[in-house]
Amino acid sequence: MGLFGKKKEEKTACGCAGGCNAPAVDTSRGIFVLGGGCAKCNELEAAVRAALAELGRQEEVGHVIDFVQIAALGVMATPALLVDGKVLASGRVLNKDEVKALLQQA
């Protein structure tokens, strides 16, 4: 609203409210947890790291918090697990054994 000299608030895609123009993360290769950084997202990330350790894999786990990019990937419920550009699970926290099974299939 431009009345009475008030400035319109601007929102950023990354959600930081700092006006940054953070580039989108390349999610076509690798393992990513998608979500805003809440406790459930962090719990899923811990399960993914534990599953990778048990499988003896030394891969990095990324975390995408940009809801615009998450929605562009077709994910409407977080937390979600993305492996090599494919959404393997969304909307719930997987335990370590479920993550291991999904990673072995992928």
N, C-alpha and C. Protein backbone atom coordinates (compact mmCIF):
# COMPACT_ATOMS: atom_id res chain seq x y z
N MET A 1 0.85 -1.16 0.00
CA MET A 1 0.00 0.00 0.00
C MET A 1 0.89 1.23 0.00
N GLY A 2 0.67 2.12 -0.91
CA GLY A 2 1.53 3.28 -1.06
C GLY A 2 0.98 4.54 -0.43
N LEU A 3 -0.07 4.43 0.36
CA LEU A 3 -0.65 5.61 0.97
C LEU A 3 0.18 6.10 2.13
N PHE A 4 0.18 7.40 2.32
CA PHE A 4 0.80 8.06 3.46
C PHE A 4 2.29 7.76 3.59
N GLY A 5 2.95 7.53 2.48
CA GLY A 5 4.40 7.36 2.49
C GLY A 5 4.90 6.04 3.03
N LYS A 6 4.02 5.07 3.27
CA LYS A 6 4.48 3.77 3.76
C LYS A 6 5.07 2.99 2.61
N LYS A 7 6.18 2.33 2.90
CA LYS A 7 6.83 1.53 1.88
C LYS A 7 6.26 0.12 1.89
N LYS A 8 6.18 -0.42 0.72
CA LYS A 8 5.71 -1.79 0.57
C LYS A 8 6.85 -2.73 0.98
N GLU A 9 6.53 -3.74 1.81
CA GLU A 9 7.55 -4.69 2.24
C GLU A 9 7.89 -5.63 1.10
N GLU A 10 9.19 -5.90 0.97
CA GLU A 10 9.64 -6.82 -0.05
C GLU A 10 10.00 -8.15 0.59
N LYS A 11 9.65 -9.22 -0.09
CA LYS A 11 9.99 -10.55 0.40
C LYS A 11 10.99 -11.17 -0.55
N THR A 12 11.90 -11.95 0.00
CA THR A 12 12.89 -12.62 -0.83
C THR A 12 12.51 -14.07 -1.00
N ALA A 13 13.06 -14.68 -2.03
CA ALA A 13 12.76 -16.08 -2.31
C ALA A 13 13.38 -17.01 -1.28
N CYS A 14 14.48 -16.60 -0.67
CA CYS A 14 15.16 -17.51 0.24
C CYS A 14 14.57 -17.48 1.64
N GLY A 15 13.75 -16.52 1.96
CA GLY A 15 13.13 -16.47 3.27
C GLY A 15 13.97 -15.80 4.34
N CYS A 16 15.13 -15.26 3.98
CA CYS A 16 15.99 -14.68 5.01
C CYS A 16 15.57 -13.26 5.38
N ALA A 17 14.75 -12.63 4.58
CA ALA A 17 14.27 -11.27 4.80
C ALA A 17 15.40 -10.25 4.80
N GLY A 18 16.57 -10.65 4.36
CA GLY A 18 17.70 -9.75 4.33
C GLY A 18 17.94 -9.13 2.97
N GLY A 19 17.11 -9.44 2.01
CA GLY A 19 17.26 -8.86 0.69
C GLY A 19 18.34 -9.52 -0.15
N CYS A 20 18.79 -10.70 0.26
CA CYS A 20 19.82 -11.36 -0.53
C CYS A 20 19.23 -11.98 -1.79
N ASN A 21 20.06 -12.22 -2.71
CA ASN A 21 19.64 -12.91 -3.94
C ASN A 21 20.39 -14.23 -4.01
N ALA A 22 20.15 -15.09 -3.05
CA ALA A 22 20.85 -16.37 -2.98
C ALA A 22 20.54 -17.19 -4.22
N PRO A 23 21.58 -17.73 -4.86
CA PRO A 23 21.34 -18.53 -6.05
C PRO A 23 20.67 -19.86 -5.69
N ALA A 24 19.93 -20.39 -6.62
CA ALA A 24 19.29 -21.69 -6.39
C ALA A 24 20.36 -22.77 -6.31
N VAL A 25 20.12 -23.74 -5.47
CA VAL A 25 21.05 -24.85 -5.29
C VAL A 25 20.82 -25.86 -6.41
N ASP A 26 21.90 -26.37 -7.00
CA ASP A 26 21.77 -27.40 -8.04
C ASP A 26 21.47 -28.73 -7.36
N THR A 27 20.25 -29.20 -7.52
CA THR A 27 19.81 -30.42 -6.86
C THR A 27 19.77 -31.61 -7.80
N SER A 28 20.37 -31.48 -8.99
CA SER A 28 20.30 -32.57 -9.96
C SER A 28 21.20 -33.74 -9.58
N ARG A 29 22.23 -33.51 -8.79
CA ARG A 29 23.14 -34.57 -8.33
C ARG A 29 23.33 -34.43 -6.83
N GLY A 30 23.27 -35.53 -6.11
CA GLY A 30 23.54 -35.53 -4.68
C GLY A 30 22.31 -35.80 -3.84
N ILE A 31 22.51 -35.72 -2.53
CA ILE A 31 21.45 -36.01 -1.56
C ILE A 31 21.08 -34.71 -0.85
N PHE A 32 19.79 -34.41 -0.81
CA PHE A 32 19.31 -33.18 -0.19
C PHE A 32 18.10 -33.44 0.69
N VAL A 33 18.05 -32.73 1.80
CA VAL A 33 16.85 -32.67 2.63
C VAL A 33 16.19 -31.35 2.28
N LEU A 34 14.89 -31.39 2.01
CA LEU A 34 14.14 -30.19 1.65
C LEU A 34 13.25 -29.80 2.81
N GLY A 35 13.36 -28.56 3.25
CA GLY A 35 12.53 -28.05 4.33
C GLY A 35 13.12 -26.81 4.94
N GLY A 36 12.33 -26.15 5.73
CA GLY A 36 12.69 -24.85 6.27
C GLY A 36 13.70 -24.84 7.40
N GLY A 37 14.17 -25.99 7.81
CA GLY A 37 15.15 -26.04 8.89
C GLY A 37 14.52 -26.29 10.25
N CYS A 38 13.32 -26.82 10.26
CA CYS A 38 12.62 -27.10 11.52
C CYS A 38 13.19 -28.38 12.15
N ALA A 39 12.68 -28.74 13.30
CA ALA A 39 13.15 -29.93 14.02
C ALA A 39 12.96 -31.20 13.20
N LYS A 40 11.85 -31.30 12.48
CA LYS A 40 11.60 -32.49 11.67
C LYS A 40 12.59 -32.60 10.52
N CYS A 41 12.91 -31.48 9.90
CA CYS A 41 13.89 -31.48 8.81
C CYS A 41 15.26 -31.90 9.33
N ASN A 42 15.62 -31.38 10.49
CA ASN A 42 16.91 -31.73 11.08
C ASN A 42 16.93 -33.20 11.50
N GLU A 43 15.81 -33.73 11.94
CA GLU A 43 15.71 -35.14 12.31
C GLU A 43 15.90 -36.03 11.08
N LEU A 44 15.29 -35.64 9.96
CA LEU A 44 15.47 -36.39 8.72
C LEU A 44 16.91 -36.33 8.27
N GLU A 45 17.53 -35.17 8.36
CA GLU A 45 18.93 -35.04 7.96
C GLU A 45 19.83 -35.94 8.81
N ALA A 46 19.57 -36.01 10.11
CA ALA A 46 20.34 -36.89 10.99
C ALA A 46 20.15 -38.36 10.60
N ALA A 47 18.93 -38.74 10.24
CA ALA A 47 18.66 -40.12 9.82
C ALA A 47 19.40 -40.43 8.52
N VAL A 48 19.45 -39.48 7.60
CA VAL A 48 20.15 -39.67 6.33
C VAL A 48 21.64 -39.84 6.58
N ARG A 49 22.20 -39.00 7.45
CA ARG A 49 23.64 -39.10 7.76
C ARG A 49 23.96 -40.45 8.42
N ALA A 50 23.09 -40.90 9.33
CA ALA A 50 23.30 -42.18 10.00
C ALA A 50 23.21 -43.34 9.00
N ALA A 51 22.25 -43.27 8.08
CA ALA A 51 22.10 -44.31 7.06
C ALA A 51 23.32 -44.36 6.15
N LEU A 52 23.82 -43.19 5.74
CA LEU A 52 25.01 -43.14 4.90
C LEU A 52 26.21 -43.74 5.62
N ALA A 53 26.34 -43.46 6.90
CA ALA A 53 27.45 -44.00 7.69
C ALA A 53 27.38 -45.52 7.75
N GLU A 54 26.19 -46.06 7.97
CA GLU A 54 26.03 -47.51 8.02
C GLU A 54 26.29 -48.17 6.68
N LEU A 55 25.98 -47.45 5.61
CA LEU A 55 26.22 -47.99 4.26
C LEU A 55 27.67 -47.79 3.82
N GLY A 56 28.43 -47.05 4.62
CA GLY A 56 29.84 -46.79 4.29
C GLY A 56 30.03 -45.81 3.17
N ARG A 57 29.06 -44.95 2.95
CA ARG A 57 29.13 -43.95 1.88
C ARG A 57 29.56 -42.61 2.47
N GLN A 58 30.48 -41.94 1.81
CA GLN A 58 31.02 -40.66 2.26
C GLN A 58 30.46 -39.51 1.43
N GLU A 59 29.15 -39.37 1.40
CA GLU A 59 28.53 -38.32 0.60
C GLU A 59 28.07 -37.16 1.48
N GLU A 60 28.10 -35.99 0.90
CA GLU A 60 27.59 -34.80 1.59
C GLU A 60 26.07 -34.79 1.53
N VAL A 61 25.46 -34.24 2.55
CA VAL A 61 24.01 -34.08 2.59
C VAL A 61 23.71 -32.59 2.58
N GLY A 62 23.04 -32.13 1.53
CA GLY A 62 22.69 -30.72 1.43
C GLY A 62 21.32 -30.47 2.05
N HIS A 63 21.03 -29.20 2.29
CA HIS A 63 19.74 -28.82 2.87
C HIS A 63 19.21 -27.61 2.09
N VAL A 64 18.07 -27.77 1.46
CA VAL A 64 17.46 -26.69 0.69
C VAL A 64 16.34 -26.10 1.53
N ILE A 65 16.43 -24.80 1.84
CA ILE A 65 15.42 -24.14 2.67
C ILE A 65 14.57 -23.15 1.88
N ASP A 66 14.90 -22.94 0.63
CA ASP A 66 14.17 -22.00 -0.22
C ASP A 66 12.86 -22.64 -0.68
N PHE A 67 11.74 -22.17 -0.13
CA PHE A 67 10.45 -22.78 -0.42
C PHE A 67 10.03 -22.60 -1.88
N VAL A 68 10.53 -21.60 -2.55
CA VAL A 68 10.23 -21.43 -3.98
C VAL A 68 10.90 -22.56 -4.76
N GLN A 69 12.15 -22.86 -4.43
CA GLN A 69 12.86 -23.94 -5.11
C GLN A 69 12.24 -25.30 -4.74
N ILE A 70 11.84 -25.46 -3.49
CA ILE A 70 11.21 -26.71 -3.06
C ILE A 70 9.92 -26.94 -3.83
N ALA A 71 9.10 -25.90 -3.95
CA ALA A 71 7.84 -26.02 -4.70
C ALA A 71 8.11 -26.29 -6.18
N ALA A 72 9.17 -25.70 -6.73
CA ALA A 72 9.51 -25.93 -8.13
C ALA A 72 9.89 -27.39 -8.38
N LEU A 73 10.34 -28.07 -7.35
CA LEU A 73 10.67 -29.49 -7.47
C LEU A 73 9.44 -30.37 -7.33
N GLY A 74 8.29 -29.76 -7.08
CA GLY A 74 7.04 -30.50 -6.97
C GLY A 74 6.72 -30.98 -5.57
N VAL A 75 7.48 -30.51 -4.59
CA VAL A 75 7.27 -30.92 -3.19
C VAL A 75 6.34 -29.93 -2.51
N MET A 76 5.25 -30.44 -1.98
CA MET A 76 4.30 -29.58 -1.28
C MET A 76 4.26 -29.85 0.22
N ALA A 77 4.91 -30.91 0.67
CA ALA A 77 4.95 -31.23 2.10
C ALA A 77 6.39 -31.53 2.48
N THR A 78 6.88 -30.87 3.51
CA THR A 78 8.23 -31.09 3.99
C THR A 78 8.17 -31.73 5.37
N PRO A 79 9.21 -32.39 5.80
CA PRO A 79 10.50 -32.57 5.14
C PRO A 79 10.41 -33.55 3.99
N ALA A 80 11.36 -33.43 3.09
CA ALA A 80 11.41 -34.32 1.93
C ALA A 80 12.85 -34.74 1.69
N LEU A 81 13.00 -35.89 1.05
CA LEU A 81 14.32 -36.42 0.71
C LEU A 81 14.45 -36.45 -0.81
N LEU A 82 15.50 -35.83 -1.32
CA LEU A 82 15.75 -35.74 -2.75
C LEU A 82 17.10 -36.37 -3.03
N VAL A 83 17.14 -37.32 -3.95
CA VAL A 83 18.39 -37.97 -4.33
C VAL A 83 18.53 -37.90 -5.84
N ASP A 84 19.61 -37.28 -6.28
CA ASP A 84 19.90 -37.11 -7.71
C ASP A 84 18.71 -36.56 -8.49
N GLY A 85 18.06 -35.57 -7.94
CA GLY A 85 16.97 -34.89 -8.61
C GLY A 85 15.61 -35.57 -8.51
N LYS A 86 15.54 -36.69 -7.80
CA LYS A 86 14.28 -37.41 -7.65
C LYS A 86 13.80 -37.35 -6.21
N VAL A 87 12.54 -37.00 -6.01
CA VAL A 87 11.96 -36.96 -4.67
C VAL A 87 11.62 -38.39 -4.28
N LEU A 88 12.28 -38.88 -3.22
CA LEU A 88 12.04 -40.24 -2.75
C LEU A 88 11.00 -40.31 -1.65
N ALA A 89 10.84 -39.24 -0.90
CA ALA A 89 9.85 -39.21 0.18
C ALA A 89 9.55 -37.76 0.53
N SER A 90 8.32 -37.49 0.94
CA SER A 90 7.98 -36.14 1.39
C SER A 90 6.84 -36.21 2.39
N GLY A 91 6.83 -35.21 3.26
CA GLY A 91 5.74 -35.06 4.21
C GLY A 91 5.88 -35.81 5.51
N ARG A 92 7.00 -36.53 5.69
CA ARG A 92 7.18 -37.24 6.96
C ARG A 92 8.66 -37.48 7.22
N VAL A 93 8.96 -37.74 8.49
CA VAL A 93 10.33 -38.02 8.89
C VAL A 93 10.56 -39.52 8.75
N LEU A 94 11.54 -39.89 7.96
CA LEU A 94 11.91 -41.28 7.79
C LEU A 94 12.91 -41.69 8.86
N ASN A 95 12.86 -42.95 9.28
CA ASN A 95 13.88 -43.41 10.21
C ASN A 95 15.08 -43.90 9.40
N LYS A 96 16.15 -44.24 10.10
CA LYS A 96 17.41 -44.62 9.47
C LYS A 96 17.23 -45.82 8.54
N ASP A 97 16.48 -46.82 8.95
CA ASP A 97 16.30 -48.02 8.13
C ASP A 97 15.51 -47.73 6.85
N GLU A 98 14.51 -46.86 6.95
CA GLU A 98 13.75 -46.47 5.76
C GLU A 98 14.64 -45.73 4.77
N VAL A 99 15.49 -44.85 5.29
CA VAL A 99 16.40 -44.09 4.43
C VAL A 99 17.39 -45.04 3.77
N LYS A 100 17.92 -46.00 4.53
CA LYS A 100 18.86 -46.98 3.97
C LYS A 100 18.23 -47.73 2.80
N ALA A 101 16.99 -48.17 2.97
CA ALA A 101 16.30 -48.91 1.92
C ALA A 101 16.13 -48.05 0.67
N LEU A 102 15.75 -46.79 0.85
CA LEU A 102 15.57 -45.89 -0.29
C LEU A 102 16.90 -45.60 -1.00
N LEU A 103 17.95 -45.41 -0.21
CA LEU A 103 19.26 -45.12 -0.82
C LEU A 103 19.79 -46.32 -1.58
N GLN A 104 19.53 -47.53 -1.10
CA GLN A 104 19.99 -48.73 -1.79
C GLN A 104 19.23 -48.92 -3.09
N GLN A 105 17.97 -48.53 -3.14
CA GLN A 105 17.18 -48.65 -4.36
C GLN A 105 17.54 -47.59 -5.40
N ALA A 106 17.96 -46.41 -4.91
CA ALA A 106 18.24 -45.28 -5.82
C ALA A 106 19.52 -45.47 -6.60
